[in-house]
Amino acid sequence: MRTYSKSIIKLVTLIFVLSLAFSADVYAKKKNKQNIDLKTYNVFKGKILDNKTNLPVAFATIAVVGENTATISNSEGEFTLKVKKDSEATEIEITHLGFKNLRYKVSALKEKRNILRMELATLTLDEISVYPNSAEYIVRSAFAKIEQNYMDEAESMTGFYREYIKKKKHYVGLSEAVVDIYKTGYFDFGSDRVRIYKGRKGRDVQRMDTLLFKLQGGPATTLLLDIMRNPKIIFSDEAFNDYKFSFAPPVKVNNKLSFVIEFSERFSREYALFAGKLYINMETLALTAADFHLNLEQPEKASQLFIRKKPVGVKVMPVSAVYKVNYREQDNKWYFNYAKGEVRFRVKWKRRLFSTYYTTMSEIAVTDRKNIVEKIKYRDQFKKTQVFAEEVSSFTDNDFWGEYNYIEPDQAIEVAIRKLKRAMRK
């Protein structure tokens, strides 16, 4: 069991690693590869709402029907979608767990203030009452059917990556980039690779006080949250026996019924395990989404999973660690679509009365799949030991992303970008 514990620590550490050191900032600038012609694409901005409650629908997928272009709504339901002017697509499709798919004419979209309303997917009594005997059997079957349900050949993709660090409610670091992704087939022995195409950052070192947080691994480690590509992060062969599984009420995903299976640790262990929900298509047994968190009942042991190094006299304890991943269906195959991780820490200096709370977040969304596959060279890939914020340049022009799709920043992040620009000019 000791071997298994070390394996879990290694894998979880790769998801979020923090380096704490006394303040010293580093800036690296990359030149843009090309100037984008702003006349080659249309930009549509809007908001996804629940048609009954008028509440925003967060993390919905907005995709161009018949093409590989897509984006994700932010936590406030807002989105920005860029579609090439020479595109022959006539519709977009919005999908979200528990809602009916919504199709909307591209010709009906305005440049700004599009309000798109989604309807909850209702279930019949017959649909609710159909359950197999074993939830664990369904989960094992989902992993056994990876080859049938997920892409079996390597693909090149374009993605958008964002990470931030908050001290209490204030953003002290924010970095984001368009990235190239080389995604291996789900049964290949190779590993996924990612390369920064175009990125920017902002940092308020003074507000960080005497500590400088560095989030290590960036998009390379966030891609590890693709648990169908990296099942050992949660469900290694040994780990299955440490979890218990149970059925929750089913939901519809992509207009199709899905099992909702809750999992948690069967017994208390000397190492941290996960708990959460898995959404598995009833017909194909493809895992379509997962929400999970790390058990932090023993924070001292869990802190070893996250902290690479820290100054003497500082105690850093994780308070929460929450993760999300979802997949998008195209041509009867499921593709990695979006992943997010958020970890909150309590930082206490020895001779200080009060603690300070820091939150780190990273997210990555696939915004396009390319027709030509290009394997990213080892020397060009972003490595798990690198600090993303040290590899991108400072915030500059407003239309920085050009033709590339990105996740619309929340209002709080938009305000943070303006403040960080001012802080970095001082």
Protein backbone atom coordinates (compact mmCIF):
# COMPACT_ATOMS: atom_id res chain seq x y z
CA MET A 1 0.00 0.00 0.00
CA ARG A 2 2.96 2.30 0.55
CA THR A 3 3.77 2.20 -3.18
CA TYR A 4 0.22 3.20 -4.04
CA SER A 5 0.35 6.13 -1.60
CA LYS A 6 3.51 7.50 -3.21
CA SER A 7 1.97 7.14 -6.66
CA ILE A 8 -1.10 9.15 -5.64
CA ILE A 9 1.06 11.88 -4.11
CA LYS A 10 3.05 12.20 -7.31
CA LEU A 11 -0.04 12.42 -9.50
CA VAL A 12 -1.90 14.87 -7.29
CA THR A 13 1.18 17.05 -6.95
CA LEU A 14 1.21 17.41 -10.71
CA ILE A 15 -2.28 18.86 -10.65
CA PHE A 16 -1.41 21.84 -8.47
CA VAL A 17 2.05 22.63 -7.17
CA LEU A 18 2.79 25.86 -5.38
CA SER A 19 6.21 27.33 -4.81
CA LEU A 20 6.42 29.97 -2.09
CA ALA A 21 9.48 32.18 -2.01
CA PHE A 22 10.40 35.70 -0.95
CA SER A 23 9.27 38.24 -3.49
CA ALA A 24 11.19 38.56 -6.72
CA ASP A 25 9.36 38.89 -10.02
CA VAL A 26 10.47 37.62 -13.41
CA TYR A 27 9.09 38.72 -16.75
CA ALA A 28 9.62 36.91 -20.03
CA LYS A 29 8.23 38.26 -23.28
CA LYS A 30 7.30 36.33 -26.39
CA LYS A 31 6.78 37.88 -29.78
CA ASN A 32 3.48 37.29 -31.51
CA LYS A 33 3.84 34.88 -34.41
CA GLN A 34 1.64 36.88 -36.72
CA ASN A 35 -0.59 39.90 -37.02
CA ILE A 36 -4.24 38.95 -37.22
CA ASP A 37 -6.52 40.53 -39.81
CA LEU A 38 -9.47 41.66 -37.71
CA LYS A 39 -11.79 41.49 -40.73
CA THR A 40 -11.60 37.71 -41.12
CA TYR A 41 -13.99 36.77 -38.31
CA ASN A 42 -17.23 37.80 -36.62
CA VAL A 43 -17.43 38.26 -32.85
CA PHE A 44 -20.58 37.38 -30.90
CA LYS A 45 -20.95 38.17 -27.21
CA GLY A 46 -23.79 37.09 -24.98
CA LYS A 47 -25.06 35.33 -21.90
CA ILE A 48 -26.55 31.88 -21.27
CA LEU A 49 -29.50 31.86 -18.85
CA ASP A 50 -31.85 29.29 -17.33
CA ASN A 51 -35.20 30.09 -18.96
CA LYS A 52 -37.15 29.56 -15.70
CA THR A 53 -34.93 31.09 -13.04
CA ASN A 54 -33.03 33.63 -15.19
CA LEU A 55 -29.88 32.47 -13.41
CA PRO A 56 -26.67 32.25 -15.46
CA VAL A 57 -25.64 28.85 -16.82
CA ALA A 58 -21.94 28.56 -16.03
CA PHE A 59 -19.46 26.47 -18.04
CA ALA A 60 -21.84 25.74 -20.91
CA THR A 61 -20.26 24.70 -24.22
CA ILE A 62 -21.05 26.97 -27.18
CA ALA A 63 -20.05 25.19 -30.40
CA VAL A 64 -20.35 25.94 -34.10
CA VAL A 65 -22.43 23.13 -35.63
CA GLY A 66 -20.50 21.13 -38.23
CA GLU A 67 -17.16 22.67 -37.26
CA ASN A 68 -14.61 22.24 -34.49
CA THR A 69 -14.85 25.80 -33.16
CA ALA A 70 -16.16 26.15 -29.60
CA THR A 71 -15.90 28.13 -26.40
CA ILE A 72 -17.10 27.94 -22.77
CA SER A 73 -19.32 30.33 -20.81
CA ASN A 74 -17.76 31.76 -17.66
CA SER A 75 -19.10 31.49 -14.10
CA GLU A 76 -21.54 34.32 -14.86
CA GLY A 77 -22.86 32.62 -18.01
CA GLU A 78 -21.12 35.10 -20.33
CA PHE A 79 -19.38 34.07 -23.53
CA THR A 80 -17.48 35.39 -26.53
CA LEU A 81 -17.53 33.33 -29.73
CA LYS A 82 -15.48 34.10 -32.83
CA VAL A 83 -16.58 32.59 -36.14
CA LYS A 84 -14.68 32.98 -39.40
CA LYS A 85 -16.52 35.07 -41.97
CA ASP A 86 -16.02 32.42 -44.64
CA SER A 87 -17.58 29.75 -42.40
CA GLU A 88 -20.48 27.86 -43.98
CA ALA A 89 -22.01 27.05 -40.59
CA THR A 90 -25.59 28.22 -40.08
CA GLU A 91 -26.12 27.30 -36.41
CA ILE A 92 -24.44 27.20 -33.03
CA GLU A 93 -25.33 24.65 -30.34
CA ILE A 94 -25.24 25.22 -26.59
CA THR A 95 -24.94 22.19 -24.32
CA HIS A 96 -24.81 21.78 -20.56
CA LEU A 97 -25.31 18.96 -18.12
CA GLY A 98 -28.99 18.73 -17.11
CA PHE A 99 -30.28 21.04 -19.87
CA LYS A 100 -31.76 20.40 -23.31
CA ASN A 101 -29.39 21.19 -26.16
CA LEU A 102 -30.14 24.60 -27.64
CA ARG A 103 -29.58 25.43 -31.32
CA TYR A 104 -29.51 29.01 -32.52
CA LYS A 105 -29.13 30.53 -35.99
CA VAL A 106 -25.82 32.29 -36.59
CA SER A 107 -27.71 34.85 -38.69
CA ALA A 108 -29.83 35.72 -35.63
CA LEU A 109 -26.83 36.52 -33.44
CA LYS A 110 -25.92 40.13 -32.68
CA GLU A 111 -22.45 41.44 -31.97
CA LYS A 112 -23.31 42.03 -28.31
CA ARG A 113 -25.95 41.30 -25.66
CA ASN A 114 -27.24 38.02 -27.03
CA ILE A 115 -29.42 36.35 -24.38
CA LEU A 116 -29.75 32.61 -24.99
CA ARG A 117 -32.10 30.70 -22.69
CA MET A 118 -31.72 27.01 -21.95
CA GLU A 119 -34.49 24.68 -20.79
CA LEU A 120 -33.98 22.06 -18.09
CA ALA A 121 -34.21 18.50 -19.39
CA THR A 122 -37.03 16.69 -17.60
CA LEU A 123 -37.05 12.94 -17.01
CA THR A 124 -39.97 10.51 -17.17
CA LEU A 125 -40.73 8.08 -14.33
CA ASP A 126 -39.57 5.18 -16.50
CA GLU A 127 -36.23 6.88 -17.12
CA ILE A 128 -35.70 7.57 -13.42
CA SER A 129 -36.49 4.03 -12.30
CA VAL A 130 -34.07 2.15 -14.58
CA TYR A 131 -30.95 1.19 -12.60
CA PRO A 132 -28.51 -1.70 -12.84
CA ASN A 133 -27.48 -3.50 -9.67
CA SER A 134 -23.95 -2.15 -9.23
CA ALA A 135 -22.72 1.45 -9.54
CA GLU A 136 -19.13 0.22 -9.32
CA TYR A 137 -19.74 -2.07 -12.29
CA ILE A 138 -20.88 0.93 -14.38
CA VAL A 139 -17.72 2.87 -13.49
CA ARG A 140 -15.46 -0.07 -14.30
CA SER A 141 -17.31 -0.57 -17.59
CA ALA A 142 -16.83 3.10 -18.51
CA PHE A 143 -13.06 2.76 -18.20
CA ALA A 144 -13.13 -0.57 -20.05
CA LYS A 145 -14.84 1.13 -23.02
CA ILE A 146 -12.36 4.00 -23.45
CA GLU A 147 -11.16 2.65 -26.79
CA GLN A 148 -14.70 2.56 -28.22
CA ASN A 149 -15.86 5.92 -26.87
CA TYR A 150 -12.87 8.26 -27.16
CA MET A 151 -10.51 9.30 -29.95
CA ASP A 152 -8.07 6.56 -30.86
CA GLU A 153 -5.61 8.68 -32.85
CA ALA A 154 -3.57 11.75 -31.97
CA GLU A 155 -5.04 15.17 -32.75
CA SER A 156 -3.82 18.76 -32.75
CA MET A 157 -6.03 21.26 -30.96
CA THR A 158 -6.13 24.92 -30.03
CA GLY A 159 -7.01 25.80 -26.46
CA PHE A 160 -7.36 28.70 -24.07
CA TYR A 161 -5.71 28.56 -20.65
CA ARG A 162 -6.14 30.86 -17.65
CA GLU A 163 -4.77 30.79 -14.11
CA TYR A 164 -5.00 33.20 -11.22
CA ILE A 165 -3.90 33.65 -7.63
CA LYS A 166 -6.09 35.55 -5.16
CA LYS A 167 -5.14 36.85 -1.74
CA LYS A 168 -8.45 36.91 0.12
CA LYS A 169 -10.73 38.59 -2.46
CA HIS A 170 -7.99 40.42 -4.37
CA TYR A 171 -6.36 39.11 -7.54
CA VAL A 172 -2.58 39.28 -7.12
CA GLY A 173 -1.66 37.27 -10.21
CA LEU A 174 -3.46 36.53 -13.46
CA SER A 175 -2.03 34.82 -16.55
CA GLU A 176 -3.70 33.49 -19.70
CA ALA A 177 -2.77 32.21 -23.13
CA VAL A 178 -3.83 30.64 -26.39
CA VAL A 179 -2.08 27.27 -26.47
CA ASP A 180 -1.36 24.55 -29.02
CA ILE A 181 -2.25 21.07 -27.77
CA TYR A 182 -1.03 17.73 -29.07
CA LYS A 183 -3.52 15.20 -27.69
CA THR A 184 -2.54 11.57 -27.97
CA GLY A 185 -5.02 8.79 -28.64
CA TYR A 186 -6.58 7.46 -25.45
CA PHE A 187 -4.85 4.10 -25.81
CA ASP A 188 -1.44 5.48 -26.84
CA PHE A 189 1.54 5.21 -24.51
CA GLY A 190 2.71 8.75 -25.29
CA SER A 191 1.77 11.82 -23.27
CA ASP A 192 -0.17 14.96 -24.17
CA ARG A 193 1.92 18.03 -24.98
CA VAL A 194 1.11 21.72 -24.88
CA ARG A 195 2.90 24.79 -26.25
CA ILE A 196 2.24 28.47 -25.54
CA TYR A 197 1.22 30.29 -28.72
CA LYS A 198 0.34 33.70 -27.33
CA GLY A 199 0.04 34.74 -23.68
CA ARG A 200 -0.08 37.62 -21.23
CA LYS A 201 0.04 38.21 -17.48
CA GLY A 202 -0.35 40.70 -14.68
CA ARG A 203 0.94 40.59 -11.12
CA ASP A 204 0.64 42.80 -8.04
CA VAL A 205 3.73 41.86 -6.02
CA GLN A 206 3.16 44.53 -3.35
CA ARG A 207 -0.24 43.11 -2.44
CA MET A 208 1.30 39.64 -2.04
CA ASP A 209 3.00 40.96 1.09
CA THR A 210 6.18 39.00 1.91
CA LEU A 211 5.22 35.90 -0.05
CA LEU A 212 5.27 35.32 -3.77
CA PHE A 213 3.14 32.43 -4.94
CA LYS A 214 4.22 30.62 -8.09
CA LEU A 215 1.80 28.16 -9.64
CA GLN A 216 3.88 25.45 -11.29
CA GLY A 217 2.91 23.30 -14.25
CA GLY A 218 0.35 25.56 -15.91
CA PRO A 219 -1.59 24.03 -18.83
CA ALA A 220 0.57 20.89 -18.82
CA THR A 221 -0.73 19.81 -15.40
CA THR A 222 -4.29 21.03 -15.93
CA LEU A 223 -4.51 18.65 -18.91
CA LEU A 224 -3.93 15.80 -16.45
CA LEU A 225 -7.48 16.37 -15.21
CA ASP A 226 -8.59 14.47 -18.31
CA ILE A 227 -9.28 11.44 -16.14
CA MET A 228 -10.20 9.20 -19.07
CA ARG A 229 -6.70 9.78 -20.45
CA ASN A 230 -5.13 9.67 -16.97
CA PRO A 231 -7.38 7.36 -14.89
CA LYS A 232 -4.67 6.63 -12.31
CA ILE A 233 -5.07 10.14 -10.92
CA ILE A 234 -8.19 8.86 -9.15
CA PHE A 235 -8.99 5.29 -10.14
CA SER A 236 -5.86 3.18 -10.32
CA ASP A 237 -6.39 -0.58 -10.12
CA GLU A 238 -5.62 -0.49 -6.40
CA ALA A 239 -7.70 2.61 -5.71
CA PHE A 240 -10.98 1.09 -6.89
CA ASN A 241 -11.11 -1.02 -3.74
CA ASP A 242 -10.72 2.10 -1.59
CA TYR A 243 -13.86 3.74 -3.00
CA LYS A 244 -17.56 3.11 -2.55
CA PHE A 245 -20.01 3.95 -5.35
CA SER A 246 -23.73 4.73 -5.31
CA PHE A 247 -26.40 5.97 -7.73
CA ALA A 248 -27.81 9.49 -7.61
CA PRO A 249 -30.82 10.59 -9.72
CA PRO A 250 -29.94 10.49 -13.46
CA VAL A 251 -29.67 13.58 -15.68
CA LYS A 252 -29.55 14.29 -19.39
CA VAL A 253 -26.28 15.28 -21.04
CA ASN A 254 -26.33 16.21 -24.73
CA ASN A 255 -30.03 15.21 -24.78
CA LYS A 256 -29.13 11.68 -23.68
CA LEU A 257 -29.67 9.96 -20.35
CA SER A 258 -26.67 9.66 -18.06
CA PHE A 259 -26.07 7.77 -14.84
CA VAL A 260 -24.95 10.00 -11.99
CA ILE A 261 -22.63 7.98 -9.77
CA GLU A 262 -21.35 9.36 -6.50
CA PHE A 263 -18.06 8.08 -5.11
CA SER A 264 -16.20 8.56 -1.84
CA GLU A 265 -13.56 6.76 0.16
CA ARG A 266 -14.71 3.51 1.74
CA PHE A 267 -12.48 3.81 4.82
CA SER A 268 -10.30 6.52 6.31
CA ARG A 269 -6.76 6.19 4.95
CA GLU A 270 -3.36 7.60 5.82
CA TYR A 271 -3.32 9.32 2.42
CA ALA A 272 -5.84 11.65 0.77
CA LEU A 273 -8.46 10.32 -1.64
CA PHE A 274 -11.17 11.96 -3.75
CA ALA A 275 -14.96 12.18 -3.64
CA GLY A 276 -17.40 13.44 -6.24
CA LYS A 277 -19.79 12.63 -9.08
CA LEU A 278 -19.32 10.86 -12.41
CA TYR A 279 -21.73 11.38 -15.31
CA ILE A 280 -21.84 8.29 -17.55
CA ASN A 281 -23.91 7.92 -20.71
CA MET A 282 -26.45 5.11 -20.21
CA GLU A 283 -26.24 3.80 -23.76
CA THR A 284 -22.51 3.88 -24.54
CA LEU A 285 -21.13 4.04 -20.97
CA ALA A 286 -18.92 6.99 -21.96
CA LEU A 287 -17.97 9.29 -19.10
CA THR A 288 -19.18 12.73 -20.19
CA ALA A 289 -18.28 14.83 -17.13
CA ALA A 290 -16.89 14.61 -13.60
CA ASP A 291 -16.93 16.89 -10.56
CA PHE A 292 -14.71 15.89 -7.66
CA HIS A 293 -12.75 17.17 -4.69
CA LEU A 294 -9.88 16.01 -2.52
CA ASN A 295 -10.64 14.80 0.99
CA LEU A 296 -8.93 17.27 3.33
CA GLU A 297 -9.89 15.81 6.71
CA GLN A 298 -6.15 15.54 7.46
CA PRO A 299 -4.83 18.87 6.11
CA GLU A 300 -1.26 18.34 7.35
CA LYS A 301 -0.86 15.25 5.18
CA ALA A 302 -2.75 16.79 2.27
CA SER A 303 -0.49 19.86 2.28
CA GLN A 304 2.39 17.63 1.16
CA LEU A 305 0.53 17.07 -2.11
CA PHE A 306 0.63 20.74 -3.08
CA ILE A 307 3.61 22.57 -1.61
CA ARG A 308 6.96 22.20 -3.35
CA LYS A 309 8.84 24.57 -1.04
CA LYS A 310 8.14 27.35 1.45
CA PRO A 311 10.04 29.72 3.75
CA VAL A 312 10.82 28.65 7.31
CA GLY A 313 8.23 29.85 9.81
CA VAL A 314 5.25 29.63 7.46
CA LYS A 315 2.49 27.04 7.83
CA VAL A 316 0.47 26.41 4.66
CA MET A 317 -2.67 24.27 4.86
CA PRO A 318 -5.09 23.44 2.03
CA VAL A 319 -8.70 24.31 2.88
CA SER A 320 -10.42 23.03 -0.26
CA ALA A 321 -9.41 21.42 -3.57
CA VAL A 322 -12.16 21.18 -6.21
CA TYR A 323 -11.88 19.90 -9.79
CA LYS A 324 -14.08 19.66 -12.89
CA VAL A 325 -13.72 18.05 -16.32
CA ASN A 326 -16.14 17.59 -19.21
CA TYR A 327 -16.14 16.13 -22.71
CA ARG A 328 -17.80 17.06 -26.00
CA GLU A 329 -19.37 14.55 -28.39
CA GLN A 330 -18.62 14.76 -32.11
CA ASP A 331 -19.23 12.03 -34.69
CA ASN A 332 -20.04 9.44 -32.00
CA LYS A 333 -16.74 10.02 -30.18
CA TRP A 334 -16.12 12.01 -27.02
CA TYR A 335 -13.33 14.61 -26.91
CA PHE A 336 -11.71 16.42 -24.00
CA ASN A 337 -13.44 19.80 -23.79
CA TYR A 338 -12.77 21.64 -20.51
CA ALA A 339 -11.04 21.21 -17.15
CA LYS A 340 -10.76 23.39 -14.08
CA GLY A 341 -9.09 23.12 -10.69
CA GLU A 342 -9.36 25.46 -7.71
CA VAL A 343 -7.42 25.10 -4.45
CA ARG A 344 -7.71 27.35 -1.39
CA PHE A 345 -4.94 27.66 1.23
CA ARG A 346 -4.61 29.09 4.71
CA VAL A 347 -1.20 30.70 5.29
CA LYS A 348 -0.06 31.37 8.86
CA TRP A 349 3.21 32.99 9.89
CA LYS A 350 4.64 31.92 13.24
CA ARG A 351 4.64 35.33 14.90
CA ARG A 352 1.50 36.74 13.30
CA LEU A 353 -1.88 36.68 14.98
CA PHE A 354 -4.09 36.17 11.90
CA SER A 355 -3.99 33.83 8.92
CA THR A 356 -4.20 34.85 5.26
CA TYR A 357 -6.17 32.91 2.67
CA TYR A 358 -4.97 32.38 -0.89
CA THR A 359 -6.88 30.78 -3.78
CA THR A 360 -5.35 29.36 -6.94
CA MET A 361 -7.36 28.49 -10.05
CA SER A 362 -6.44 27.10 -13.45
CA GLU A 363 -8.71 26.20 -16.36
CA ILE A 364 -8.26 25.06 -19.94
CA ALA A 365 -10.82 24.86 -22.75
CA VAL A 366 -10.41 23.33 -26.21
CA THR A 367 -11.56 25.95 -28.72
CA ASP A 368 -10.67 24.24 -32.01
CA ARG A 369 -9.51 20.93 -33.47
CA LYS A 370 -7.12 21.14 -36.40
CA ASN A 371 -7.22 19.09 -39.60
CA ILE A 372 -3.44 18.63 -39.69
CA VAL A 373 -1.79 16.78 -36.80
CA GLU A 374 1.49 18.28 -35.59
CA LYS A 375 3.40 16.63 -32.76
CA ILE A 376 4.89 19.32 -30.54
CA LYS A 377 8.63 18.85 -30.15
CA TYR A 378 9.95 18.14 -26.68
CA ARG A 379 12.07 21.28 -26.62
CA ASP A 380 9.04 23.43 -27.49
CA GLN A 381 6.52 21.95 -25.09
CA PHE A 382 5.55 23.59 -21.82
CA LYS A 383 6.88 21.35 -19.06
CA LYS A 384 5.31 20.48 -15.72
CA THR A 385 8.30 21.98 -13.90
CA GLN A 386 7.86 25.42 -15.48
CA VAL A 387 6.03 28.41 -14.00
CA PHE A 388 3.53 29.65 -16.56
CA ALA A 389 3.55 33.28 -15.36
CA GLU A 390 7.28 33.47 -16.08
CA GLU A 391 6.82 32.44 -19.72
CA VAL A 392 4.36 35.09 -20.93
CA SER A 393 4.47 38.87 -21.34
CA SER A 394 2.61 41.65 -19.53
CA PHE A 395 -0.93 42.80 -20.40
CA THR A 396 -0.96 45.05 -23.49
CA ASP A 397 -3.61 45.86 -26.11
CA ASN A 398 -7.34 45.26 -25.67
CA ASP A 399 -7.74 43.04 -28.74
CA PHE A 400 -4.85 40.85 -27.69
CA TRP A 401 -6.46 37.53 -28.72
CA GLY A 402 -7.28 38.46 -32.31
CA GLU A 403 -9.19 35.67 -34.07
CA TYR A 404 -8.71 33.13 -31.26
CA ASN A 405 -11.59 32.08 -29.02
CA TYR A 406 -11.15 32.50 -25.28
CA ILE A 407 -13.15 32.18 -22.07
CA GLU A 408 -14.89 35.49 -21.38
CA PRO A 409 -13.45 36.82 -18.10
CA ASP A 410 -15.81 37.22 -15.15
CA GLN A 411 -16.54 40.80 -14.18
CA ALA A 412 -14.20 40.48 -11.20
CA ILE A 413 -11.39 39.30 -13.48
CA GLU A 414 -11.99 42.20 -15.90
CA VAL A 415 -11.60 44.62 -13.00
CA ALA A 416 -8.50 42.71 -11.87
CA ILE A 417 -6.91 43.03 -15.32
CA ARG A 418 -7.28 46.82 -15.20
CA LYS A 419 -5.86 46.99 -11.67
CA LEU A 420 -2.94 44.70 -12.48
CA LYS A 421 -2.07 46.80 -15.53
CA ARG A 422 -1.86 49.86 -13.29
CA ALA A 423 0.14 48.01 -10.62
CA MET A 424 2.72 46.81 -13.15
CA ARG A 425 3.22 50.33 -14.54
CA LYS A 426 4.23 51.65 -11.11
